[in-house]
PDB file of N, CA and C in Angstrom:
ATOM      1  N   MET A   1     -15.673  46.045  -4.148  1.00  0.00           N
ATOM      2  CA  MET A   1     -16.146  45.025  -3.254  1.00  0.00           C
ATOM      3  C   MET A   1     -15.327  43.742  -3.459  1.00  0.00           C
ATOM      4  N   LYS A   2     -14.862  43.179  -2.371  1.00  0.00           N
ATOM      5  CA  LYS A   2     -14.042  41.971  -2.437  1.00  0.00           C
ATOM      6  C   LYS A   2     -14.934  40.730  -2.496  1.00  0.00           C
ATOM      7  N   LYS A   3     -14.653  39.865  -3.456  1.00  0.00           N
ATOM      8  CA  LYS A   3     -15.423  38.637  -3.619  1.00  0.00           C
ATOM      9  C   LYS A   3     -14.863  37.571  -2.676  1.00  0.00           C
ATOM     10  N   GLU A   4     -15.744  36.932  -1.937  1.00  0.00           N
ATOM     11  CA  GLU A   4     -15.315  35.868  -1.035  1.00  0.00           C
ATOM     12  C   GLU A   4     -15.215  34.555  -1.806  1.00  0.00           C
ATOM     13  N   THR A   5     -14.146  33.833  -1.542  1.00  0.00           N
ATOM     14  CA  THR A   5     -13.999  32.526  -2.163  1.00  0.00           C
ATOM     15  C   THR A   5     -14.240  31.462  -1.107  1.00  0.00           C
ATOM     16  N   LYS A   6     -14.881  30.424  -1.525  1.00  0.00           N
ATOM     17  CA  LYS A   6     -15.175  29.329  -0.609  1.00  0.00           C
ATOM     18  C   LYS A   6     -13.958  28.417  -0.547  1.00  0.00           C
ATOM     19  N   ARG A   7     -13.513  28.147   0.661  1.00  0.00           N
ATOM     20  CA  ARG A   7     -12.382  27.241   0.853  1.00  0.00           C
ATOM     21  C   ARG A   7     -12.899  25.817   0.927  1.00  0.00           C
ATOM     22  N   VAL A   8     -12.198  24.946   0.260  1.00  0.00           N
ATOM     23  CA  VAL A   8     -12.560  23.533   0.258  1.00  0.00           C
ATOM     24  C   VAL A   8     -11.376  22.764   0.815  1.00  0.00           C
ATOM     25  N   THR A   9     -11.634  21.934   1.805  1.00  0.00           N
ATOM     26  CA  THR A   9     -10.553  21.133   2.376  1.00  0.00           C
ATOM     27  C   THR A   9     -10.303  19.930   1.474  1.00  0.00           C
ATOM     28  N   LEU A  10      -9.126  19.378   1.596  1.00  0.00           N
ATOM     29  CA  LEU A  10      -8.791  18.174   0.832  1.00  0.00           C
ATOM     30  C   LEU A  10      -9.754  17.045   1.192  1.00  0.00           C
ATOM     31  N   ARG A  11     -10.043  16.912   2.471  1.00  0.00           N
ATOM     32  CA  ARG A  11     -10.970  15.866   2.936  1.00  0.00           C
ATOM     33  C   ARG A  11     -12.326  16.009   2.241  1.00  0.00           C
ATOM     34  N   ASP A  12     -12.837  17.229   2.157  1.00  0.00           N
ATOM     35  CA  ASP A  12     -14.128  17.466   1.505  1.00  0.00           C
ATOM     36  C   ASP A  12     -14.060  17.177   0.006  1.00  0.00           C
ATOM     37  N   ALA A  13     -12.964  17.568  -0.618  1.00  0.00           N
ATOM     38  CA  ALA A  13     -12.801  17.322  -2.056  1.00  0.00           C
ATOM     39  C   ALA A  13     -12.749  15.825  -2.346  1.00  0.00           C
ATOM     40  N   ILE A  14     -12.012  15.089  -1.522  1.00  0.00           N
ATOM     41  CA  ILE A  14     -11.921  13.632  -1.721  1.00  0.00           C
ATOM     42  C   ILE A  14     -13.282  12.987  -1.473  1.00  0.00           C
ATOM     43  N   LYS A  15     -13.962  13.419  -0.431  1.00  0.00           N
ATOM     44  CA  LYS A  15     -15.287  12.876  -0.120  1.00  0.00           C
ATOM     45  C   LYS A  15     -16.222  13.050  -1.314  1.00  0.00           C
ATOM     46  N   LYS A  16     -16.160  14.208  -1.940  1.00  0.00           N
ATOM     47  CA  LYS A  16     -16.999  14.476  -3.111  1.00  0.00           C
ATOM     48  C   LYS A  16     -16.596  13.572  -4.277  1.00  0.00           C
ATOM     49  N   GLU A  17     -15.295  13.471  -4.518  1.00  0.00           N
ATOM     50  CA  GLU A  17     -14.802  12.666  -5.643  1.00  0.00           C
ATOM     51  C   GLU A  17     -15.070  11.175  -5.457  1.00  0.00           C
ATOM     52  N   LEU A  18     -15.112  10.710  -4.197  1.00  0.00           N
ATOM     53  CA  LEU A  18     -15.341   9.288  -3.935  1.00  0.00           C
ATOM     54  C   LEU A  18     -16.734   8.833  -4.368  1.00  0.00           C
ATOM     55  N   LYS A  19     -17.601   9.757  -4.698  1.00  0.00           N
ATOM     56  CA  LYS A  19     -18.919   9.403  -5.225  1.00  0.00           C
ATOM     57  C   LYS A  19     -18.816   8.890  -6.654  1.00  0.00           C
ATOM     58  N   ASN A  20     -17.716   9.206  -7.313  1.00  0.00           N
ATOM     59  CA  ASN A  20     -17.448   8.725  -8.670  1.00  0.00           C
ATOM     60  C   ASN A  20     -16.811   7.338  -8.564  1.00  0.00           C
ATOM     61  N   SER A  21     -17.440   6.317  -9.129  1.00  0.00           N
ATOM     62  CA  SER A  21     -16.969   4.936  -8.958  1.00  0.00           C
ATOM     63  C   SER A  21     -15.563   4.712  -9.522  1.00  0.00           C
ATOM     64  N   GLU A  22     -15.224   5.341 -10.641  1.00  0.00           N
ATOM     65  CA  GLU A  22     -13.877   5.183 -11.214  1.00  0.00           C
ATOM     66  C   GLU A  22     -12.830   5.800 -10.295  1.00  0.00           C
ATOM     67  N   PHE A  23     -13.107   6.997  -9.805  1.00  0.00           N
ATOM     68  CA  PHE A  23     -12.186   7.653  -8.877  1.00  0.00           C
ATOM     69  C   PHE A  23     -12.038   6.817  -7.616  1.00  0.00           C
ATOM     70  N   LYS A  24     -13.153   6.328  -7.084  1.00  0.00           N
ATOM     71  CA  LYS A  24     -13.123   5.535  -5.849  1.00  0.00           C
ATOM     72  C   LYS A  24     -12.271   4.281  -6.035  1.00  0.00           C
ATOM     73  N   PHE A  25     -12.426   3.594  -7.165  1.00  0.00           N
ATOM     74  CA  PHE A  25     -11.628   2.395  -7.435  1.00  0.00           C
ATOM     75  C   PHE A  25     -10.142   2.732  -7.449  1.00  0.00           C
ATOM     76  N   ARG A  26      -9.763   3.773  -8.180  1.00  0.00           N
ATOM     77  CA  ARG A  26      -8.348   4.177  -8.272  1.00  0.00           C
ATOM     78  C   ARG A  26      -7.809   4.629  -6.915  1.00  0.00           C
ATOM     79  N   PHE A  27      -8.601   5.372  -6.168  1.00  0.00           N
ATOM     80  CA  PHE A  27      -8.203   5.859  -4.848  1.00  0.00           C
ATOM     81  C   PHE A  27      -7.933   4.681  -3.908  1.00  0.00           C
ATOM     82  N   GLU A  28      -8.852   3.719  -3.866  1.00  0.00           N
ATOM     83  CA  GLU A  28      -8.692   2.547  -2.996  1.00  0.00           C
ATOM     84  C   GLU A  28      -7.514   1.693  -3.443  1.00  0.00           C
ATOM     85  N   HIS A  29      -7.289   1.602  -4.735  1.00  0.00           N
ATOM     86  CA  HIS A  29      -6.156   0.857  -5.289  1.00  0.00           C
ATOM     87  C   HIS A  29      -4.837   1.456  -4.799  1.00  0.00           C
ATOM     88  N   GLU A  30      -4.701   2.764  -4.933  1.00  0.00           N
ATOM     89  CA  GLU A  30      -3.480   3.445  -4.486  1.00  0.00           C
ATOM     90  C   GLU A  30      -3.309   3.359  -2.972  1.00  0.00           C
ATOM     91  N   LYS A  31      -4.422   3.442  -2.256  1.00  0.00           N
ATOM     92  CA  LYS A  31      -4.374   3.330  -0.804  1.00  0.00           C
ATOM     93  C   LYS A  31      -3.867   1.943  -0.391  1.00  0.00           C
ATOM     94  N   ALA A  32      -4.332   0.901  -1.066  1.00  0.00           N
ATOM     95  CA  ALA A  32      -3.893  -0.469  -0.760  1.00  0.00           C
ATOM     96  C   ALA A  32      -2.402  -0.635  -1.027  1.00  0.00           C
ATOM     97  N   ILE A  33      -1.916  -0.088  -2.122  1.00  0.00           N
ATOM     98  CA  ILE A  33      -0.491  -0.178  -2.448  1.00  0.00           C
ATOM     99  C   ILE A  33       0.337   0.503  -1.362  1.00  0.00           C
ATOM    100  N   GLY A  34      -0.090   1.664  -0.923  1.00  0.00           N
ATOM    101  CA  GLY A  34       0.624   2.378   0.135  1.00  0.00           C
ATOM    102  C   GLY A  34       0.623   1.617   1.449  1.00  0.00           C
ATOM    103  N   GLN A  35      -0.505   1.005   1.786  1.00  0.00           N
ATOM    104  CA  GLN A  35      -0.590   0.232   3.030  1.00  0.00           C
ATOM    105  C   GLN A  35       0.335  -0.983   2.978  1.00  0.00           C
ATOM    106  N   ILE A  36       0.345  -1.681   1.860  1.00  0.00           N
ATOM    107  CA  ILE A  36       1.231  -2.846   1.711  1.00  0.00           C
ATOM    108  C   ILE A  36       2.680  -2.399   1.844  1.00  0.00           C
ATOM    109  N   ALA A  37       3.031  -1.295   1.202  1.00  0.00           N
ATOM    110  CA  ALA A  37       4.405  -0.783   1.262  1.00  0.00           C
ATOM    111  C   ALA A  37       4.822  -0.502   2.702  1.00  0.00           C
ATOM    112  N   ARG A  38       3.965   0.193   3.439  1.00  0.00           N
ATOM    113  CA  ARG A  38       4.292   0.526   4.839  1.00  0.00           C
ATOM    114  C   ARG A  38       4.399  -0.711   5.716  1.00  0.00           C
ATOM    115  N   ILE A  39       3.501  -1.667   5.532  1.00  0.00           N
ATOM    116  CA  ILE A  39       3.516  -2.884   6.348  1.00  0.00           C
ATOM    117  C   ILE A  39       4.780  -3.697   6.095  1.00  0.00           C
ATOM    118  N   VAL A  40       5.123  -3.897   4.831  1.00  0.00           N
ATOM    119  CA  VAL A  40       6.309  -4.701   4.505  1.00  0.00           C
ATOM    120  C   VAL A  40       7.573  -4.010   5.005  1.00  0.00           C
ATOM    121  N   ARG A  41       7.700  -2.717   4.763  1.00  0.00           N
ATOM    122  CA  ARG A  41       8.884  -1.977   5.205  1.00  0.00           C
ATOM    123  C   ARG A  41       9.031  -2.035   6.728  1.00  0.00           C
ATOM    124  N   SER A  42       7.943  -1.806   7.435  1.00  0.00           N
ATOM    125  CA  SER A  42       7.966  -1.825   8.890  1.00  0.00           C
ATOM    126  C   SER A  42       8.322  -3.214   9.421  1.00  0.00           C
ATOM    127  N   ALA A  43       7.719  -4.246   8.868  1.00  0.00           N
ATOM    128  CA  ALA A  43       7.991  -5.616   9.320  1.00  0.00           C
ATOM    129  C   ALA A  43       9.440  -6.001   9.031  1.00  0.00           C
ATOM    130  N   ARG A  44       9.943  -5.615   7.874  1.00  0.00           N
ATOM    131  CA  ARG A  44      11.340  -5.918   7.520  1.00  0.00           C
ATOM    132  C   ARG A  44      12.287  -5.233   8.486  1.00  0.00           C
ATOM    133  N   GLN A  45      12.022  -3.970   8.781  1.00  0.00           N
ATOM    134  CA  GLN A  45      12.893  -3.228   9.695  1.00  0.00           C
ATOM    135  C   GLN A  45      12.836  -3.804  11.104  1.00  0.00           C
ATOM    136  N   ARG A  46      11.640  -4.189  11.558  1.00  0.00           N
ATOM    137  CA  ARG A  46      11.521  -4.806  12.885  1.00  0.00           C
ATOM    138  C   ARG A  46      12.281  -6.121  12.950  1.00  0.00           C
ATOM    139  N   ALA A  47      12.346  -6.825  11.827  1.00  0.00           N
ATOM    140  CA  ALA A  47      13.070  -8.092  11.780  1.00  0.00           C
ATOM    141  C   ALA A  47      14.578  -7.872  11.657  1.00  0.00           C
ATOM    142  N   GLY A  48      14.991  -6.620  11.466  1.00  0.00           N
ATOM    143  CA  GLY A  48      16.407  -6.307  11.347  1.00  0.00           C
ATOM    144  C   GLY A  48      17.033  -6.774  10.047  1.00  0.00           C
ATOM    145  N   LEU A  49      16.232  -6.829   9.010  1.00  0.00           N
ATOM    146  CA  LEU A  49      16.717  -7.285   7.705  1.00  0.00           C
ATOM    147  C   LEU A  49      16.887  -6.128   6.735  1.00  0.00           C
ATOM    148  N   THR A  50      17.829  -6.292   5.837  1.00  0.00           N
ATOM    149  CA  THR A  50      17.948  -5.375   4.711  1.00  0.00           C
ATOM    150  C   THR A  50      16.962  -5.820   3.641  1.00  0.00           C
ATOM    151  N   GLN A  51      16.776  -4.988   2.641  1.00  0.00           N
ATOM    152  CA  GLN A  51      15.928  -5.400   1.519  1.00  0.00           C
ATOM    153  C   GLN A  51      16.505  -6.634   0.845  1.00  0.00           C
ATOM    154  N   ALA A  52      17.824  -6.671   0.706  1.00  0.00           N
ATOM    155  CA  ALA A  52      18.474  -7.823   0.074  1.00  0.00           C
ATOM    156  C   ALA A  52      18.283  -9.087   0.911  1.00  0.00           C
ATOM    157  N   GLY A  53      18.383  -8.947   2.236  1.00  0.00           N
ATOM    158  CA  GLY A  53      18.192 -10.092   3.118  1.00  0.00           C
ATOM    159  C   GLY A  53      16.783 -10.643   3.042  1.00  0.00           C
ATOM    160  N   LEU A  54      15.812  -9.756   3.033  1.00  0.00           N
ATOM    161  CA  LEU A  54      14.425 -10.193   2.900  1.00  0.00           C
ATOM    162  C   LEU A  54      14.212 -10.847   1.543  1.00  0.00           C
ATOM    163  N   ALA A  55      14.764 -10.251   0.516  1.00  0.00           N
ATOM    164  CA  ALA A  55      14.616 -10.806  -0.832  1.00  0.00           C
ATOM    165  C   ALA A  55      15.161 -12.230  -0.908  1.00  0.00           C
ATOM    166  N   ARG A  56      16.334 -12.469  -0.330  1.00  0.00           N
ATOM    167  CA  ARG A  56      16.910 -13.824  -0.334  1.00  0.00           C
ATOM    168  C   ARG A  56      15.969 -14.800   0.356  1.00  0.00           C
ATOM    169  N   ARG A  57      15.478 -14.423   1.524  1.00  0.00           N
ATOM    170  CA  ARG A  57      14.584 -15.300   2.282  1.00  0.00           C
ATOM    171  C   ARG A  57      13.265 -15.564   1.553  1.00  0.00           C
ATOM    172  N   ALA A  58      12.797 -14.565   0.815  1.00  0.00           N
ATOM    173  CA  ALA A  58      11.500 -14.675   0.135  1.00  0.00           C
ATOM    174  C   ALA A  58      11.623 -15.211  -1.289  1.00  0.00           C
ATOM    175  N   GLY A  59      12.849 -15.453  -1.728  1.00  0.00           N
ATOM    176  CA  GLY A  59      13.038 -15.996  -3.077  1.00  0.00           C
ATOM    177  C   GLY A  59      12.723 -15.010  -4.177  1.00  0.00           C
ATOM    178  N   THR A  60      13.123 -13.771  -3.972  1.00  0.00           N
ATOM    179  CA  THR A  60      12.908 -12.741  -4.990  1.00  0.00           C
ATOM    180  C   THR A  60      14.146 -11.855  -5.029  1.00  0.00           C
ATOM    181  N   SER A  61      14.065 -10.746  -5.701  1.00  0.00           N
ATOM    182  CA  SER A  61      15.223  -9.858  -5.806  1.00  0.00           C
ATOM    183  C   SER A  61      15.051  -8.626  -4.915  1.00  0.00           C
ATOM    184  N   GLN A  62      16.172  -7.984  -4.616  1.00  0.00           N
ATOM    185  CA  GLN A  62      16.149  -6.751  -3.818  1.00  0.00           C
ATOM    186  C   GLN A  62      15.364  -5.679  -4.554  1.00  0.00           C
ATOM    187  N   VAL A  63      15.454  -5.661  -5.867  1.00  0.00           N
ATOM    188  CA  VAL A  63      14.737  -4.658  -6.669  1.00  0.00           C
ATOM    189  C   VAL A  63      13.226  -4.797  -6.471  1.00  0.00           C
ATOM    190  N   VAL A  64      12.743  -6.029  -6.411  1.00  0.00           N
ATOM    191  CA  VAL A  64      11.313  -6.263  -6.208  1.00  0.00           C
ATOM    192  C   VAL A  64      10.885  -5.736  -4.837  1.00  0.00           C
ATOM    193  N   ILE A  65      11.683  -6.013  -3.806  1.00  0.00           N
ATOM    194  CA  ILE A  65      11.360  -5.538  -2.459  1.00  0.00           C
ATOM    195  C   ILE A  65      11.400  -4.010  -2.426  1.00  0.00           C
ATOM    196  N   ALA A  66      12.413  -3.416  -3.032  1.00  0.00           N
ATOM    197  CA  ALA A  66      12.533  -1.946  -3.055  1.00  0.00           C
ATOM    198  C   ALA A  66      11.334  -1.321  -3.758  1.00  0.00           C
ATOM    199  N   ARG A  67      10.942  -1.893  -4.879  1.00  0.00           N
ATOM    200  CA  ARG A  67       9.804  -1.367  -5.633  1.00  0.00           C
ATOM    201  C   ARG A  67       8.519  -1.480  -4.811  1.00  0.00           C
ATOM    202  N   LEU A  68       8.346  -2.621  -4.154  1.00  0.00           N
ATOM    203  CA  LEU A  68       7.161  -2.834  -3.332  1.00  0.00           C
ATOM    204  C   LEU A  68       7.130  -1.838  -2.175  1.00  0.00           C
ATOM    205  N   GLU A  69       8.260  -1.666  -1.488  1.00  0.00           N
ATOM    206  CA  GLU A  69       8.327  -0.764  -0.337  1.00  0.00           C
ATOM    207  C   GLU A  69       8.204   0.708  -0.716  1.00  0.00           C
ATOM    208  N   SER A  70       8.533   1.044  -1.930  1.00  0.00           N
ATOM    209  CA  SER A  70       8.459   2.446  -2.348  1.00  0.00           C
ATOM    210  C   SER A  70       7.016   2.918  -2.473  1.00  0.00           C
ATOM    211  N   GLY A  71       6.120   1.979  -2.772  1.00  0.00           N
ATOM    212  CA  GLY A  71       4.721   2.344  -2.956  1.00  0.00           C
ATOM    213  C   GLY A  71       4.446   3.063  -4.250  1.00  0.00           C
ATOM    214  N   THR A  72       5.443   3.141  -5.127  1.00  0.00           N
ATOM    215  CA  THR A  72       5.265   3.866  -6.390  1.00  0.00           C
ATOM    216  C   THR A  72       4.936   2.940  -7.558  1.00  0.00           C
ATOM    217  N   ASP A  73       5.088   1.641  -7.364  1.00  0.00           N
ATOM    218  CA  ASP A  73       4.720   0.676  -8.403  1.00  0.00           C
ATOM    219  C   ASP A  73       3.204   0.537  -8.359  1.00  0.00           C
ATOM    220  N   HIS A  74       2.542   0.757  -9.447  1.00  0.00           N
ATOM    221  CA  HIS A  74       1.085   0.768  -9.459  1.00  0.00           C
ATOM    222  C   HIS A  74       0.465  -0.621  -9.535  1.00  0.00           C
ATOM    223  N   ARG A  75       1.322  -1.645  -9.555  1.00  0.00           N
ATOM    224  CA  ARG A  75       0.803  -3.012  -9.532  1.00  0.00           C
ATOM    225  C   ARG A  75       0.706  -3.473  -8.083  1.00  0.00           C
ATOM    226  N   ILE A  76      -0.379  -4.138  -7.772  1.00  0.00           N
ATOM    227  CA  ILE A  76      -0.504  -4.734  -6.441  1.00  0.00           C
ATOM    228  C   ILE A  76       0.252  -6.062  -6.488  1.00  0.00           C
ATOM    229  N   PRO A  77       1.120  -6.316  -5.492  1.00  0.00           N
ATOM    230  CA  PRO A  77       1.904  -7.552  -5.516  1.00  0.00           C
ATOM    231  C   PRO A  77       1.013  -8.791  -5.434  1.00  0.00           C
ATOM    232  N   SER A  78       1.493  -9.869  -6.013  1.00  0.00           N
ATOM    233  CA  SER A  78       0.716 -11.110  -6.018  1.00  0.00           C
ATOM    234  C   SER A  78       0.597 -11.669  -4.607  1.00  0.00           C
ATOM    235  N   LEU A  79      -0.434 -12.453  -4.410  1.00  0.00           N
ATOM    236  CA  LEU A  79      -0.601 -13.124  -3.118  1.00  0.00           C
ATOM    237  C   LEU A  79       0.561 -14.070  -2.854  1.00  0.00           C
ATOM    238  N   ASP A  80       1.065 -14.697  -3.896  1.00  0.00           N
ATOM    239  CA  ASP A  80       2.211 -15.593  -3.747  1.00  0.00           C
ATOM    240  C   ASP A  80       3.412 -14.839  -3.183  1.00  0.00           C
ATOM    241  N   LEU A  81       3.725 -13.680  -3.733  1.00  0.00           N
ATOM    242  CA  LEU A  81       4.852 -12.886  -3.244  1.00  0.00           C
ATOM    243  C   LEU A  81       4.606 -12.434  -1.810  1.00  0.00           C
ATOM    244  N   LEU A  82       3.412 -11.951  -1.520  1.00  0.00           N
ATOM    245  CA  LEU A  82       3.112 -11.502  -0.160  1.00  0.00           C
ATOM    246  C   LEU A  82       3.216 -12.657   0.836  1.00  0.00           C
ATOM    247  N   GLN A  83       2.789 -13.851   0.426  1.00  0.00           N
ATOM    248  CA  GLN A  83       2.893 -15.016   1.301  1.00  0.00           C
ATOM    249  C   GLN A  83       4.354 -15.369   1.567  1.00  0.00           C
ATOM    250  N   ARG A  84       5.187 -15.332   0.532  1.00  0.00           N
ATOM    251  CA  ARG A  84       6.614 -15.625   0.708  1.00  0.00           C
ATOM    252  C   ARG A  84       7.278 -14.600   1.615  1.00  0.00           C
ATOM    253  N   ILE A  85       6.911 -13.326   1.464  1.00  0.00           N
ATOM    254  CA  ILE A  85       7.458 -12.270   2.322  1.00  0.00           C
ATOM    255  C   ILE A  85       7.013 -12.498   3.764  1.00  0.00           C
ATOM    256  N   ALA A  86       5.738 -12.798   3.966  1.00  0.00           N
ATOM    257  CA  ALA A  86       5.220 -13.041   5.318  1.00  0.00           C
ATOM    258  C   ALA A  86       5.966 -14.213   5.965  1.00  0.00           C
ATOM    259  N   GLN A  87       6.144 -15.294   5.231  1.00  0.00           N
ATOM    260  CA  GLN A  87       6.857 -16.455   5.773  1.00  0.00           C
ATOM    261  C   GLN A  87       8.304 -16.111   6.094  1.00  0.00           C
ATOM    262  N   ALA A  88       8.938 -15.341   5.224  1.00  0.00           N
ATOM    263  CA  ALA A  88      10.336 -14.957   5.439  1.00  0.00           C
ATOM    264  C   ALA A  88      10.484 -14.116   6.706  1.00  0.00           C
ATOM    265  N   LEU A  89       9.444 -13.380   7.056  1.00  0.00           N
ATOM    266  CA  LEU A  89       9.471 -12.524   8.241  1.00  0.00           C
ATOM    267  C   LEU A  89       8.839 -13.191   9.463  1.00  0.00           C
ATOM    268  N   HIS A  90       8.399 -14.437   9.286  1.00  0.00           N
ATOM    269  CA  HIS A  90       7.716 -15.188  10.342  1.00  0.00           C
ATOM    270  C   HIS A  90       6.416 -14.507  10.758  1.00  0.00           C
ATOM    271  N   PHE A  91       5.705 -14.013   9.751  1.00  0.00           N
ATOM    272  CA  PHE A  91       4.393 -13.407   9.948  1.00  0.00           C
ATOM    273  C   PHE A  91       3.360 -14.294   9.268  1.00  0.00           C
ATOM    274  N   GLN A  92       2.109 -14.093   9.608  1.00  0.00           N
ATOM    275  CA  GLN A  92       1.015 -14.771   8.951  1.00  0.00           C
ATOM    276  C   GLN A  92       0.319 -13.761   8.046  1.00  0.00           C
ATOM    277  N   LEU A  93       0.157 -14.102   6.778  1.00  0.00           N
ATOM    278  CA  LEU A  93      -0.548 -13.229   5.852  1.00  0.00           C
ATOM    279  C   LEU A  93      -2.050 -13.387   6.099  1.00  0.00           C
ATOM    280  N   MET A  94      -2.710 -12.279   6.323  1.00  0.00           N
ATOM    281  CA  MET A  94      -4.142 -12.295   6.562  1.00  0.00           C
ATOM    282  C   MET A  94      -4.806 -11.328   5.578  1.00  0.00           C
ATOM    283  N   ILE A  95      -5.884 -11.771   4.995  1.00  0.00           N
ATOM    284  CA  ILE A  95      -6.631 -10.958   4.037  1.00  0.00           C
ATOM    285  C   ILE A  95      -8.064 -10.870   4.541  1.00  0.00           C
ATOM    286  N   SER A  96      -8.649  -9.706   4.473  1.00  0.00           N
ATOM    287  CA  SER A  96     -10.012  -9.569   4.957  1.00  0.00           C
ATOM    288  C   SER A  96     -10.832  -8.690   4.024  1.00  0.00           C
ATOM    289  N   PHE A  97     -12.124  -8.839   4.117  1.00  0.00           N
ATOM    290  CA  PHE A  97     -13.070  -7.987   3.426  1.00  0.00           C
ATOM    291  C   PHE A  97     -13.854  -7.241   4.486  1.00  0.00           C
ATOM    292  N   ASP A  98     -13.956  -5.940   4.346  1.00  0.00           N
ATOM    293  CA  ASP A  98     -14.754  -5.152   5.259  1.00  0.00           C
ATOM    294  C   ASP A  98     -15.984  -4.662   4.519  1.00  0.00           C
ATOM    295  N   MET A  99     -17.092  -4.675   5.204  1.00  0.00           N
ATOM    296  CA  MET A  99     -18.340  -4.212   4.610  1.00  0.00           C
ATOM    297  C   MET A  99     -18.202  -2.727   4.295  1.00  0.00           C
ATOM    298  N   ALA A 100     -18.463  -2.352   3.054  1.00  0.00           N
ATOM    299  CA  ALA A 100     -18.379  -0.946   2.643  1.00  0.00           C
ATOM    300  C   ALA A 100     -19.487  -0.149   3.315  1.00  0.00           C
ATOM    301  N   ALA A 101     -19.138   1.061   3.681  1.00  0.00           N
ATOM    302  CA  ALA A 101     -20.121   1.921   4.351  1.00  0.00           C
ATOM    303  C   ALA A 101     -21.086   2.524   3.367  1.00  0.00           C
TER     304      ALA A 101
END
């Protein structure tokens, strides 16, 4: 007799794990880093700038911009750095809090 195995989707597994407060904190932290990386990279490309060009305008180094855009640095960039990047790209930095579900 063949034993049936229950398939679990990634979405279901994450939903279950998000009930754990430590996992939820780490998950949201990584999600925020990825979102910042995508936003900065997209805005820089729309502005037609290289990483080095953005770095010069923002008063930082190309390495810092590359690390931020990679999304692999586990540190969330400072508000000061994000503000300088936003100004260099002629964007307004906006921060919001959304009510948790």
